[in-house]
PDB file of N, CA and C in Angstrom:
ATOM      1  N   MET A   1      42.828-107.878 -14.076  1.00  0.00           N
ATOM      2  CA  MET A   1      42.791-108.230 -15.588  1.00  0.00           C
ATOM      3  C   MET A   1      41.662-107.828 -16.234  1.00  0.00           C
ATOM      4  N   ILE A   2      41.727-107.302 -17.421  1.00  0.00           N
ATOM      5  CA  ILE A   2      40.635-106.781 -18.167  1.00  0.00           C
ATOM      6  C   ILE A   2      39.557-107.731 -18.455  1.00  0.00           C
ATOM      7  N   LEU A   3      39.883-109.145 -18.850  1.00  0.00           N
ATOM      8  CA  LEU A   3      38.923-110.071 -19.199  1.00  0.00           C
ATOM      9  C   LEU A   3      38.030-110.331 -17.861  1.00  0.00           C
ATOM     10  N   GLU A   4      38.696-110.525 -16.753  1.00  0.00           N
ATOM     11  CA  GLU A   4      38.013-110.762 -15.495  1.00  0.00           C
ATOM     12  C   GLU A   4      36.865-109.652 -15.224  1.00  0.00           C
ATOM     13  N   ALA A   5      37.407-108.504 -15.442  1.00  0.00           N
ATOM     14  CA  ALA A   5      36.585-107.376 -15.156  1.00  0.00           C
ATOM     15  C   ALA A   5      35.323-107.414 -16.134  1.00  0.00           C
ATOM     16  N   MET A   6      35.672-107.675 -17.276  1.00  0.00           N
ATOM     17  CA  MET A   6      34.480-107.780 -18.481  1.00  0.00           C
ATOM     18  C   MET A   6      33.484-108.978 -17.995  1.00  0.00           C
ATOM     19  N   TYR A   7      34.091-109.993 -17.617  1.00  0.00           N
ATOM     20  CA  TYR A   7      33.294-111.264 -17.256  1.00  0.00           C
ATOM     21  C   TYR A   7      32.376-110.962 -16.063  1.00  0.00           C
ATOM     22  N   ASN A   8      33.004-110.222 -15.074  1.00  0.00           N
ATOM     23  CA  ASN A   8      32.227-109.960 -13.954  1.00  0.00           C
ATOM     24  C   ASN A   8      31.418-108.669 -13.959  1.00  0.00           C
ATOM     25  N   GLY A   9      31.289-108.090 -15.045  1.00  0.00           N
ATOM     26  CA  GLY A   9      30.394-106.991 -15.256  1.00  0.00           C
ATOM     27  C   GLY A   9      30.967-105.767 -14.625  1.00  0.00           C
ATOM     28  N   GLU A  10      32.347-105.616 -14.505  1.00  0.00           N
ATOM     29  CA  GLU A  10      32.908-104.541 -13.748  1.00  0.00           C
ATOM     30  C   GLU A  10      33.641-103.516 -14.811  1.00  0.00           C
ATOM     31  N   PHE A  11      33.369-103.762 -16.180  1.00  0.00           N
ATOM     32  CA  PHE A  11      34.107-102.880 -17.200  1.00  0.00           C
ATOM     33  C   PHE A  11      33.154-102.036 -17.731  1.00  0.00           C
ATOM     34  N   TYR A  12      33.141-100.714 -17.423  1.00  0.00           N
ATOM     35  CA  TYR A  12      32.287 -99.659 -17.839  1.00  0.00           C
ATOM     36  C   TYR A  12      33.038 -98.467 -18.362  1.00  0.00           C
ATOM     37  N   PRO A  13      33.741 -98.507 -19.473  1.00  0.00           N
ATOM     38  CA  PRO A  13      34.602 -97.441 -19.854  1.00  0.00           C
ATOM     39  C   PRO A  13      33.750 -96.043 -20.031  1.00  0.00           C
ATOM     40  N   CYS A  14      32.549 -96.188 -20.565  1.00  0.00           N
ATOM     41  CA  CYS A  14      31.778 -94.956 -20.760  1.00  0.00           C
ATOM     42  C   CYS A  14      31.348 -94.343 -19.410  1.00  0.00           C
ATOM     43  N   GLU A  15      31.406 -94.999 -18.472  1.00  0.00           N
ATOM     44  CA  GLU A  15      31.071 -94.369 -16.981  1.00  0.00           C
ATOM     45  C   GLU A  15      32.288 -94.066 -16.162  1.00  0.00           C
ATOM     46  N   THR A  16      33.359 -94.796 -16.522  1.00  0.00           N
ATOM     47  CA  THR A  16      34.625 -94.583 -15.612  1.00  0.00           C
ATOM     48  C   THR A  16      35.825 -93.796 -16.241  1.00  0.00           C
ATOM     49  N   VAL A  17      35.737 -93.600 -17.510  1.00  0.00           N
ATOM     50  CA  VAL A  17      36.734 -92.747 -18.125  1.00  0.00           C
ATOM     51  C   VAL A  17      36.361 -91.306 -18.454  1.00  0.00           C
ATOM     52  N   VAL A  18      36.894 -90.385 -17.549  1.00  0.00           N
ATOM     53  CA  VAL A  18      36.427 -89.029 -17.678  1.00  0.00           C
ATOM     54  C   VAL A  18      37.676 -88.274 -18.061  1.00  0.00           C
ATOM     55  N   PRO A  19      37.666 -87.420 -19.109  1.00  0.00           N
ATOM     56  CA  PRO A  19      38.872 -86.661 -19.518  1.00  0.00           C
ATOM     57  C   PRO A  19      39.392 -85.844 -18.216  1.00  0.00           C
ATOM     58  N   THR A  20      40.680 -85.637 -18.216  1.00  0.00           N
ATOM     59  CA  THR A  20      41.339 -84.808 -17.027  1.00  0.00           C
ATOM     60  C   THR A  20      41.924 -83.633 -17.652  1.00  0.00           C
ATOM     61  N   SER A  21      41.911 -83.253 -18.813  1.00  0.00           N
ATOM     62  CA  SER A  21      42.470 -82.195 -19.295  1.00  0.00           C
ATOM     63  C   SER A  21      42.039 -80.953 -18.838  1.00  0.00           C
ATOM     64  N   PRO A  22      42.841 -79.980 -18.827  1.00  0.00           N
ATOM     65  CA  PRO A  22      42.302 -78.606 -18.268  1.00  0.00           C
ATOM     66  C   PRO A  22      41.146 -77.967 -19.186  1.00  0.00           C
ATOM     67  N   GLU A  23      41.399 -78.337 -20.512  1.00  0.00           N
ATOM     68  CA  GLU A  23      40.349 -77.734 -21.406  1.00  0.00           C
ATOM     69  C   GLU A  23      39.088 -78.197 -21.116  1.00  0.00           C
ATOM     70  N   TYR A  24      38.861 -79.666 -20.932  1.00  0.00           N
ATOM     71  CA  TYR A  24      37.777 -80.224 -20.602  1.00  0.00           C
ATOM     72  C   TYR A  24      37.014 -79.736 -19.356  1.00  0.00           C
ATOM     73  N   ARG A  25      37.884 -79.612 -18.213  1.00  0.00           N
ATOM     74  CA  ARG A  25      37.292 -79.012 -17.011  1.00  0.00           C
ATOM     75  C   ARG A  25      36.910 -77.584 -16.991  1.00  0.00           C
ATOM     76  N   ARG A  26      37.615 -76.869 -17.944  1.00  0.00           N
ATOM     77  CA  ARG A  26      37.094 -75.327 -18.136  1.00  0.00           C
ATOM     78  C   ARG A  26      35.767 -75.504 -18.817  1.00  0.00           C
ATOM     79  N   ALA A  27      35.596 -76.293 -19.874  1.00  0.00           N
ATOM     80  CA  ALA A  27      34.392 -76.277 -20.580  1.00  0.00           C
ATOM     81  C   ALA A  27      33.268 -76.807 -19.848  1.00  0.00           C
ATOM     82  N   VAL A  28      33.502 -77.746 -18.910  1.00  0.00           N
ATOM     83  CA  VAL A  28      32.398 -78.159 -18.008  1.00  0.00           C
ATOM     84  C   VAL A  28      32.061 -77.087 -17.030  1.00  0.00           C
ATOM     85  N   GLN A  29      32.928 -76.421 -16.473  1.00  0.00           N
ATOM     86  CA  GLN A  29      32.712 -75.404 -15.573  1.00  0.00           C
ATOM     87  C   GLN A  29      31.927 -74.162 -16.427  1.00  0.00           C
ATOM     88  N   THR A  30      32.398 -73.840 -17.551  1.00  0.00           N
ATOM     89  CA  THR A  30      31.752 -72.905 -18.282  1.00  0.00           C
ATOM     90  C   THR A  30      30.349 -73.178 -18.645  1.00  0.00           C
ATOM     91  N   CYS A  31      30.076 -74.400 -18.978  1.00  0.00           N
ATOM     92  CA  CYS A  31      28.625 -74.953 -19.254  1.00  0.00           C
ATOM     93  C   CYS A  31      27.840 -74.697 -18.062  1.00  0.00           C
ATOM     94  N   ALA A  32      28.422 -75.125 -16.851  1.00  0.00           N
ATOM     95  CA  ALA A  32      27.515 -75.103 -15.692  1.00  0.00           C
ATOM     96  C   ALA A  32      27.289 -73.438 -15.332  1.00  0.00           C
ATOM     97  N   GLU A  33      28.162 -72.645 -15.629  1.00  0.00           N
ATOM     98  CA  GLU A  33      27.973 -71.259 -15.337  1.00  0.00           C
ATOM     99  C   GLU A  33      26.915 -70.620 -16.261  1.00  0.00           C
ATOM    100  N   LEU A  34      27.069 -71.009 -17.549  1.00  0.00           N
ATOM    101  CA  LEU A  34      26.083 -70.453 -18.695  1.00  0.00           C
ATOM    102  C   LEU A  34      24.687 -71.194 -18.272  1.00  0.00           C
ATOM    103  N   MET A  35      24.579 -72.405 -17.863  1.00  0.00           N
ATOM    104  CA  MET A  35      23.334 -72.955 -17.437  1.00  0.00           C
ATOM    105  C   MET A  35      22.672 -72.112 -16.353  1.00  0.00           C
ATOM    106  N   GLU A  36      23.472 -71.814 -15.338  1.00  0.00           N
ATOM    107  CA  GLU A  36      23.032 -70.983 -14.234  1.00  0.00           C
ATOM    108  C   GLU A  36      22.449 -69.707 -14.797  1.00  0.00           C
ATOM    109  N   GLN A  37      23.317 -69.047 -15.614  1.00  0.00           N
ATOM    110  CA  GLN A  37      22.751 -67.771 -16.175  1.00  0.00           C
ATOM    111  C   GLN A  37      21.391 -67.924 -16.962  1.00  0.00           C
ATOM    112  N   LEU A  38      21.449 -68.991 -17.612  1.00  0.00           N
ATOM    113  CA  LEU A  38      20.079 -69.097 -18.453  1.00  0.00           C
ATOM    114  C   LEU A  38      19.017 -69.372 -17.492  1.00  0.00           C
ATOM    115  N   SER A  39      19.203 -70.070 -16.395  1.00  0.00           N
ATOM    116  CA  SER A  39      18.020 -70.394 -15.492  1.00  0.00           C
ATOM    117  C   SER A  39      17.661 -69.168 -14.896  1.00  0.00           C
ATOM    118  N   GLN A  40      18.451 -68.201 -14.733  1.00  0.00           N
ATOM    119  CA  GLN A  40      17.974 -66.825 -14.098  1.00  0.00           C
ATOM    120  C   GLN A  40      17.316 -65.971 -15.133  1.00  0.00           C
ATOM    121  N   ARG A  41      17.711 -66.098 -16.380  1.00  0.00           N
ATOM    122  CA  ARG A  41      17.253 -65.140 -17.548  1.00  0.00           C
ATOM    123  C   ARG A  41      15.903 -65.693 -18.159  1.00  0.00           C
ATOM    124  N   LEU A  42      15.870 -66.931 -18.246  1.00  0.00           N
ATOM    125  CA  LEU A  42      14.726 -67.446 -19.110  1.00  0.00           C
ATOM    126  C   LEU A  42      13.588 -67.808 -18.410  1.00  0.00           C
ATOM    127  N   SER A  43      12.435 -67.890 -18.980  1.00  0.00           N
ATOM    128  CA  SER A  43      11.261 -68.316 -18.328  1.00  0.00           C
ATOM    129  C   SER A  43      11.341 -69.790 -18.058  1.00  0.00           C
ATOM    130  N   LYS A  44      10.629 -70.384 -17.071  1.00  0.00           N
ATOM    131  CA  LYS A  44      10.726 -71.755 -16.856  1.00  0.00           C
ATOM    132  C   LYS A  44      10.494 -72.571 -18.113  1.00  0.00           C
ATOM    133  N   GLU A  45       9.461 -72.213 -18.978  1.00  0.00           N
ATOM    134  CA  GLU A  45       9.220 -73.072 -20.054  1.00  0.00           C
ATOM    135  C   GLU A  45      10.597 -72.981 -21.052  1.00  0.00           C
ATOM    136  N   ASP A  46      11.074 -71.819 -21.195  1.00  0.00           N
ATOM    137  CA  ASP A  46      12.237 -71.822 -22.221  1.00  0.00           C
ATOM    138  C   ASP A  46      13.382 -72.618 -21.504  1.00  0.00           C
ATOM    139  N   TYR A  47      13.551 -72.399 -20.230  1.00  0.00           N
ATOM    140  CA  TYR A  47      14.705 -73.025 -19.560  1.00  0.00           C
ATOM    141  C   TYR A  47      14.528 -74.555 -19.698  1.00  0.00           C
ATOM    142  N   ALA A  48      13.168 -75.087 -19.625  1.00  0.00           N
ATOM    143  CA  ALA A  48      12.998 -76.421 -19.862  1.00  0.00           C
ATOM    144  C   ALA A  48      13.427 -77.028 -21.263  1.00  0.00           C
ATOM    145  N   LEU A  49      13.168 -76.058 -22.236  1.00  0.00           N
ATOM    146  CA  LEU A  49      13.585 -76.409 -23.500  1.00  0.00           C
ATOM    147  C   LEU A  49      15.193 -76.522 -23.706  1.00  0.00           C
ATOM    148  N   VAL A  50      15.838 -75.526 -22.991  1.00  0.00           N
ATOM    149  CA  VAL A  50      17.319 -75.689 -22.956  1.00  0.00           C
ATOM    150  C   VAL A  50      17.700 -76.885 -22.271  1.00  0.00           C
ATOM    151  N   GLU A  51      17.048 -77.186 -21.126  1.00  0.00           N
ATOM    152  CA  GLU A  51      17.472 -78.627 -20.472  1.00  0.00           C
ATOM    153  C   GLU A  51      17.296 -79.865 -21.365  1.00  0.00           C
ATOM    154  N   GLU A  52      16.207 -79.798 -22.156  1.00  0.00           N
ATOM    155  CA  GLU A  52      15.877 -80.945 -22.926  1.00  0.00           C
ATOM    156  C   GLU A  52      16.820 -80.972 -24.272  1.00  0.00           C
ATOM    157  N   LEU A  53      17.253 -79.827 -24.732  1.00  0.00           N
ATOM    158  CA  LEU A  53      18.169 -79.702 -25.749  1.00  0.00           C
ATOM    159  C   LEU A  53      19.450 -80.274 -25.227  1.00  0.00           C
ATOM    160  N   ARG A  54      19.880 -80.007 -24.029  1.00  0.00           N
ATOM    161  CA  ARG A  54      21.100 -80.437 -23.395  1.00  0.00           C
ATOM    162  C   ARG A  54      21.022 -82.000 -23.171  1.00  0.00           C
ATOM    163  N   ALA A  55      20.002 -82.493 -22.731  1.00  0.00           N
ATOM    164  CA  ALA A  55      19.726 -83.869 -22.532  1.00  0.00           C
ATOM    165  C   ALA A  55      19.931 -84.628 -23.900  1.00  0.00           C
ATOM    166  N   GLN A  56      19.149 -84.255 -24.970  1.00  0.00           N
ATOM    167  CA  GLN A  56      19.236 -84.783 -26.202  1.00  0.00           C
ATOM    168  C   GLN A  56      20.602 -84.730 -26.813  1.00  0.00           C
ATOM    169  N   ASN A  57      21.225 -83.645 -26.569  1.00  0.00           N
ATOM    170  CA  ASN A  57      22.643 -83.484 -26.937  1.00  0.00           C
ATOM    171  C   ASN A  57      23.677 -84.497 -26.284  1.00  0.00           C
ATOM    172  N   ALA A  58      23.294 -84.768 -24.995  1.00  0.00           N
ATOM    173  CA  ALA A  58      24.140 -85.648 -24.280  1.00  0.00           C
ATOM    174  C   ALA A  58      23.867 -87.129 -24.922  1.00  0.00           C
ATOM    175  N   ILE A  59      22.727 -87.468 -25.192  1.00  0.00           N
ATOM    176  CA  ILE A  59      22.431 -88.763 -25.842  1.00  0.00           C
ATOM    177  C   ILE A  59      23.198 -88.838 -27.170  1.00  0.00           C
ATOM    178  N   ALA A  60      23.245 -87.848 -27.966  1.00  0.00           N
ATOM    179  CA  ALA A  60      23.880 -87.885 -29.203  1.00  0.00           C
ATOM    180  C   ALA A  60      25.373 -88.115 -29.047  1.00  0.00           C
ATOM    181  N   GLN A  61      25.876 -87.542 -28.019  1.00  0.00           N
ATOM    182  CA  GLN A  61      27.461 -87.488 -27.792  1.00  0.00           C
ATOM    183  C   GLN A  61      27.769 -88.909 -27.336  1.00  0.00           C
ATOM    184  N   CYS A  62      26.834 -89.464 -26.556  1.00  0.00           N
ATOM    185  CA  CYS A  62      27.102 -90.882 -25.976  1.00  0.00           C
ATOM    186  C   CYS A  62      27.165 -91.857 -27.169  1.00  0.00           C
ATOM    187  N   GLU A  63      26.091 -91.714 -27.975  1.00  0.00           N
ATOM    188  CA  GLU A  63      26.114 -92.601 -29.191  1.00  0.00           C
ATOM    189  C   GLU A  63      27.323 -92.431 -30.025  1.00  0.00           C
ATOM    190  N   GLU A  64      27.732 -91.287 -30.270  1.00  0.00           N
ATOM    191  CA  GLU A  64      28.903 -91.014 -31.011  1.00  0.00           C
ATOM    192  C   GLU A  64      30.262 -91.602 -30.475  1.00  0.00           C
ATOM    193  N   SER A  65      30.220 -91.286 -28.983  1.00  0.00           N
ATOM    194  CA  SER A  65      31.366 -91.938 -28.291  1.00  0.00           C
ATOM    195  C   SER A  65      31.471 -93.433 -28.400  1.00  0.00           C
ATOM    196  N   GLU A  66      30.312 -94.064 -28.299  1.00  0.00           N
ATOM    197  CA  GLU A  66      30.223 -95.501 -28.576  1.00  0.00           C
ATOM    198  C   GLU A  66      30.686 -95.934 -29.869  1.00  0.00           C
ATOM    199  N   SER A  67      30.340 -95.283 -30.983  1.00  0.00           N
ATOM    200  CA  SER A  67      30.707 -95.551 -32.294  1.00  0.00           C
ATOM    201  C   SER A  67      32.281 -95.441 -32.461  1.00  0.00           C
ATOM    202  N   HIS A  68      32.815 -94.379 -31.810  1.00  0.00           N
ATOM    203  CA  HIS A  68      34.270 -94.211 -31.874  1.00  0.00           C
ATOM    204  C   HIS A  68      34.981 -95.321 -31.093  1.00  0.00           C
ATOM    205  N   PHE A  69      34.214 -95.657 -30.031  1.00  0.00           N
ATOM    206  CA  PHE A  69      34.951 -96.714 -29.195  1.00  0.00           C
ATOM    207  C   PHE A  69      35.041 -98.010 -30.125  1.00  0.00           C
ATOM    208  N   LYS A  70      33.890 -98.400 -30.573  1.00  0.00           N
ATOM    209  CA  LYS A  70      33.783 -99.695 -31.286  1.00  0.00           C
ATOM    210  C   LYS A  70      34.702 -99.521 -32.479  1.00  0.00           C
ATOM    211  N   TYR A  71      34.736 -98.390 -33.160  1.00  0.00           N
ATOM    212  CA  TYR A  71      35.786 -98.361 -34.504  1.00  0.00           C
ATOM    213  C   TYR A  71      37.141 -98.498 -33.999  1.00  0.00           C
ATOM    214  N   GLY A  72      37.519 -97.801 -32.971  1.00  0.00           N
ATOM    215  CA  GLY A  72      38.922 -97.852 -32.273  1.00  0.00           C
ATOM    216  C   GLY A  72      39.236 -99.182 -31.900  1.00  0.00           C
ATOM    217  N   PHE A  73      38.357 -99.859 -31.236  1.00  0.00           N
ATOM    218  CA  PHE A  73      38.654-101.312 -30.736  1.00  0.00           C
ATOM    219  C   PHE A  73      38.831-102.156 -31.876  1.00  0.00           C
ATOM    220  N   SER A  74      37.993-102.095 -32.986  1.00  0.00           N
ATOM    221  CA  SER A  74      38.122-102.875 -34.195  1.00  0.00           C
ATOM    222  C   SER A  74      39.309-102.633 -34.865  1.00  0.00           C
ATOM    223  N   ALA A  75      39.737-101.422 -35.007  1.00  0.00           N
ATOM    224  CA  ALA A  75      41.014-101.101 -35.578  1.00  0.00           C
ATOM    225  C   ALA A  75      42.186-101.643 -34.866  1.00  0.00           C
ATOM    226  N   GLY A  76      42.140-101.686 -33.654  1.00  0.00           N
ATOM    227  CA  GLY A  76      43.318-102.174 -32.829  1.00  0.00           C
ATOM    228  C   GLY A  76      43.371-103.716 -32.954  1.00  0.00           C
ATOM    229  N   LEU A  77      42.106-104.410 -33.029  1.00  0.00           N
ATOM    230  CA  LEU A  77      42.226-105.820 -33.332  1.00  0.00           C
ATOM    231  C   LEU A  77      42.899-106.155 -34.777  1.00  0.00           C
ATOM    232  N   ILE A  78      42.581-105.258 -35.671  1.00  0.00           N
ATOM    233  CA  ILE A  78      43.056-105.536 -37.011  1.00  0.00           C
ATOM    234  C   ILE A  78      44.544-105.267 -37.070  1.00  0.00           C
ATOM    235  N   VAL A  79      45.006-104.243 -36.320  1.00  0.00           N
ATOM    236  CA  VAL A  79      46.393-103.917 -36.357  1.00  0.00           C
ATOM    237  C   VAL A  79      47.104-105.275 -35.667  1.00  0.00           C
ATOM    238  N   GLN A  80      46.506-105.664 -34.624  1.00  0.00           N
ATOM    239  CA  GLN A  80      47.025-106.862 -33.957  1.00  0.00           C
ATOM    240  C   GLN A  80      47.070-108.075 -34.852  1.00  0.00           C
ATOM    241  N   GLN A  81      46.041-108.461 -35.597  1.00  0.00           N
ATOM    242  CA  GLN A  81      46.023-109.479 -36.625  1.00  0.00           C
ATOM    243  C   GLN A  81      47.153-109.328 -37.626  1.00  0.00           C
ATOM    244  N   GLU A  82      47.194-108.161 -38.081  1.00  0.00           N
ATOM    245  CA  GLU A  82      48.248-107.860 -39.222  1.00  0.00           C
ATOM    246  C   GLU A  82      49.606-108.069 -38.612  1.00  0.00           C
ATOM    247  N   ALA A  83      49.901-107.492 -37.447  1.00  0.00           N
ATOM    248  CA  ALA A  83      51.141-107.822 -36.809  1.00  0.00           C
ATOM    249  C   ALA A  83      51.576-109.181 -36.601  1.00  0.00           C
ATOM    250  N   HIS A  84      50.472-110.006 -36.071  1.00  0.00           N
ATOM    251  CA  HIS A  84      50.774-111.399 -35.904  1.00  0.00           C
ATOM    252  C   HIS A  84      51.104-112.187 -37.303  1.00  0.00           C
ATOM    253  N   ALA A  85      50.429-111.599 -38.246  1.00  0.00           N
ATOM    254  CA  ALA A  85      50.528-112.327 -39.581  1.00  0.00           C
ATOM    255  C   ALA A  85      51.955-112.074 -40.125  1.00  0.00           C
ATOM    256  N   GLN A  86      52.455-110.811 -40.001  1.00  0.00           N
ATOM    257  CA  GLN A  86      53.714-110.546 -40.335  1.00  0.00           C
ATOM    258  C   GLN A  86      54.843-111.316 -39.648  1.00  0.00           C
ATOM    259  N   VAL A  87      54.678-111.550 -38.322  1.00  0.00           N
ATOM    260  CA  VAL A  87      55.590-112.188 -37.465  1.00  0.00           C
ATOM    261  C   VAL A  87      55.633-113.733 -37.919  1.00  0.00           C
ATOM    262  N   GLN A  88      54.485-114.239 -38.139  1.00  0.00           N
ATOM    263  CA  GLN A  88      54.349-115.573 -38.726  1.00  0.00           C
ATOM    264  C   GLN A  88      54.992-115.765 -39.981  1.00  0.00           C
ATOM    265  N   GLN A  89      54.734-114.780 -41.006  1.00  0.00           N
ATOM    266  CA  GLN A  89      55.491-114.752 -42.233  1.00  0.00           C
ATOM    267  C   GLN A  89      57.071-114.833 -42.061  1.00  0.00           C
ATOM    268  N   LYS A  90      57.526-113.987 -41.184  1.00  0.00           N
ATOM    269  CA  LYS A  90      58.986-113.890 -41.069  1.00  0.00           C
ATOM    270  C   LYS A  90      59.476-115.248 -40.362  1.00  0.00           C
ATOM    271  N   GLU A  91      58.728-115.928 -39.599  1.00  0.00           N
ATOM    272  CA  GLU A  91      59.239-117.136 -38.888  1.00  0.00           C
ATOM    273  C   GLU A  91      59.251-118.183 -39.914  1.00  0.00           C
ATOM    274  N   ARG A  92      58.364-118.149 -40.891  1.00  0.00           N
ATOM    275  CA  ARG A  92      58.253-119.287 -41.960  1.00  0.00           C
ATOM    276  C   ARG A  92      59.548-119.178 -42.977  1.00  0.00           C
ATOM    277  N   LYS A  93      60.055-117.923 -43.104  1.00  0.00           N
ATOM    278  CA  LYS A  93      61.221-117.722 -44.000  1.00  0.00           C
ATOM    279  C   LYS A  93      62.514-118.104 -43.265  1.00  0.00           C
TER     280      LYS A  93
END
């Protein structure tokens, strides 16, 4: 049950949910190959900049994903509240 997992600290959607689409897998593989090419072509200093850029981009993506998760979760709760209110209204009639 989700509530038990949340209570027990076992609910980590940002760590456990990984896209499984072929497009995602290809993109990850392509990124790894490009990073390998860059590591061979760039100086150590330039490659360090690329790694830092990648790290900062990952932080930005995580923040964006968190915002989307919060918004989607909130929207789901609002939909549930509205549906419940409609059912109550019909029951009163």
